[in-house]
C-alpha atoms as a PDB file:
ATOM      1  CA  MET A   1      -6.055   4.892   4.439  1.00  0.00           C
ATOM      2  CA  LYS A   2      -8.245   2.249   6.659  1.00  0.00           C
ATOM      3  CA  ASN A   3     -10.384   0.474   4.763  1.00  0.00           C
ATOM      4  CA  LYS A   4     -12.852  -2.909   4.626  1.00  0.00           C
ATOM      5  CA  ILE A   5     -12.520  -3.884   1.192  1.00  0.00           C
ATOM      6  CA  LYS A   6     -11.005  -7.286   1.702  1.00  0.00           C
ATOM      7  CA  GLU A   7     -13.605  -8.273   4.912  1.00  0.00           C
ATOM      8  CA  LEU A   8     -16.273  -7.139   2.312  1.00  0.00           C
ATOM      9  CA  ARG A   9     -14.981  -9.567  -0.666  1.00  0.00           C
ATOM     10  CA  LYS A  10     -14.735 -12.403   1.371  1.00  0.00           C
ATOM     11  CA  VAL A  11     -18.417 -12.100   3.104  1.00  0.00           C
ATOM     12  CA  ASN A  12     -19.305 -11.655  -0.707  1.00  0.00           C
ATOM     13  CA  LYS A  13     -17.123 -14.315  -1.457  1.00  0.00           C
ATOM     14  CA  LEU A  14     -15.497 -12.137  -4.825  1.00  0.00           C
ATOM     15  CA  SER A  15     -11.211 -12.009  -5.543  1.00  0.00           C
ATOM     16  CA  GLN A  16      -9.484  -9.223  -5.694  1.00  0.00           C
ATOM     17  CA  SER A  17      -9.621  -9.813  -9.627  1.00  0.00           C
ATOM     18  CA  GLU A  18     -13.413  -9.789  -9.923  1.00  0.00           C
ATOM     19  CA  LEU A  19     -13.687  -6.933  -7.704  1.00  0.00           C
ATOM     20  CA  ALA A  20     -11.357  -5.193  -9.888  1.00  0.00           C
ATOM     21  CA  ASP A  21     -13.469  -6.339 -12.801  1.00  0.00           C
ATOM     22  CA  ILE A  22     -16.733  -5.318 -11.538  1.00  0.00           C
ATOM     23  CA  VAL A  23     -15.151  -1.381 -10.822  1.00  0.00           C
ATOM     24  CA  GLY A  24     -13.360  -1.239 -13.860  1.00  0.00           C
ATOM     25  CA  THR A  25      -9.981  -1.482 -12.773  1.00  0.00           C
ATOM     26  CA  THR A  26      -6.936  -3.621 -11.995  1.00  0.00           C
ATOM     27  CA  ARG A  27      -6.019  -6.914  -8.867  1.00  0.00           C
ATOM     28  CA  GLN A  28      -2.373  -4.888  -8.355  1.00  0.00           C
ATOM     29  CA  THR A  29      -4.949  -1.573  -7.717  1.00  0.00           C
ATOM     30  CA  ILE A  30      -7.339  -3.758  -5.677  1.00  0.00           C
ATOM     31  CA  THR A  31      -4.799  -4.949  -3.309  1.00  0.00           C
ATOM     32  CA  SER A  32      -2.899  -1.974  -2.927  1.00  0.00           C
ATOM     33  CA  ILE A  33      -6.189  -0.201  -1.386  1.00  0.00           C
ATOM     34  CA  GLU A  34      -6.306  -2.914   0.560  1.00  0.00           C
ATOM     35  CA  ILE A  35      -2.660  -2.572   2.505  1.00  0.00           C
ATOM     36  CA  GLY A  36      -2.866   0.670   2.036  1.00  0.00           C
ATOM     37  CA  LYS A  37      -0.266   1.741   0.506  1.00  0.00           C
ATOM     38  CA  TYR A  38      -2.518   3.319  -2.520  1.00  0.00           C
ATOM     39  CA  THR A  39      -5.792   5.936  -1.587  1.00  0.00           C
ATOM     40  CA  ALA A  40      -8.510   5.256  -3.809  1.00  0.00           C
ATOM     41  CA  SER A  41      -9.774   8.238  -6.150  1.00  0.00           C
ATOM     42  CA  LEU A  42     -13.188   9.581  -5.400  1.00  0.00           C
ATOM     43  CA  ILE A  43     -14.619   7.849  -8.353  1.00  0.00           C
ATOM     44  CA  LEU A  44     -13.402   4.092  -7.387  1.00  0.00           C
ATOM     45  CA  ALA A  45     -14.209   4.330  -4.087  1.00  0.00           C
ATOM     46  CA  TYR A  46     -17.526   5.623  -5.003  1.00  0.00           C
ATOM     47  CA  LYS A  47     -17.949   2.338  -7.680  1.00  0.00           C
ATOM     48  CA  ILE A  48     -16.720  -0.119  -4.839  1.00  0.00           C
ATOM     49  CA  ALA A  49     -19.031   1.143  -2.265  1.00  0.00           C
ATOM     50  CA  HIS A  50     -21.936   1.336  -4.663  1.00  0.00           C
ATOM     51  CA  HIS A  51     -20.963  -2.373  -5.251  1.00  0.00           C
ATOM     52  CA  PHE A  52     -21.271  -3.164  -1.580  1.00  0.00           C
ATOM     53  CA  ASN A  53     -24.337  -1.359  -1.208  1.00  0.00           C
ATOM     54  CA  MET A  54     -22.832   1.023   1.082  1.00  0.00           C
ATOM     55  CA  ASN A  55     -21.931   4.665   1.288  1.00  0.00           C
ATOM     56  CA  ILE A  56     -17.878   5.557   1.086  1.00  0.00           C
ATOM     57  CA  GLU A  57     -17.875   6.456   4.892  1.00  0.00           C
ATOM     58  CA  GLU A  58     -18.793   2.906   5.236  1.00  0.00           C
ATOM     59  CA  VAL A  59     -16.269   1.338   3.171  1.00  0.00           C
ATOM     60  CA  PHE A  60     -13.297   3.979   4.238  1.00  0.00           C
ATOM     61  CA  ASP A  61     -11.746   4.975   7.529  1.00  0.00           C
ATOM     62  CA  PHE A  62     -11.288   8.887   7.104  1.00  0.00           C
ATOM     63  CA  GLU A  63     -10.841   9.111  10.591  1.00  0.00           C
ATOM     64  CA  SER A  64      -7.807   7.413  10.268  1.00  0.00           C
ATOM     65  CA  LEU A  65      -6.467  10.325   7.689  1.00  0.00           C
ATOM     66  CA  GLU A  66      -7.382  12.257  10.481  1.00  0.00           C
ATOM     67  CA  GLU A  67      -4.676  10.778  13.244  1.00  0.00           C
ATOM     68  CA  GLU A  68      -1.725  11.068  10.240  1.00  0.00           C
ATOM     69  CA  ASP A  69      -2.461  15.264  10.539  1.00  0.00           C
END
């Protein structure tokens, strides 16, 4: 699933480790989500979006999922 996490981190000057600590996960998980290897759980997606003061749909591209069907 495509997402804007890397761009949001850069704008907010956060490392993967810092974001991981904030949302309660590991740096490896953030890396995997950013590259599309792993899809965030609903709870984790909410925590990431909430940290950036955004809706989940603003951070994660659900249309890319529909194209895979």
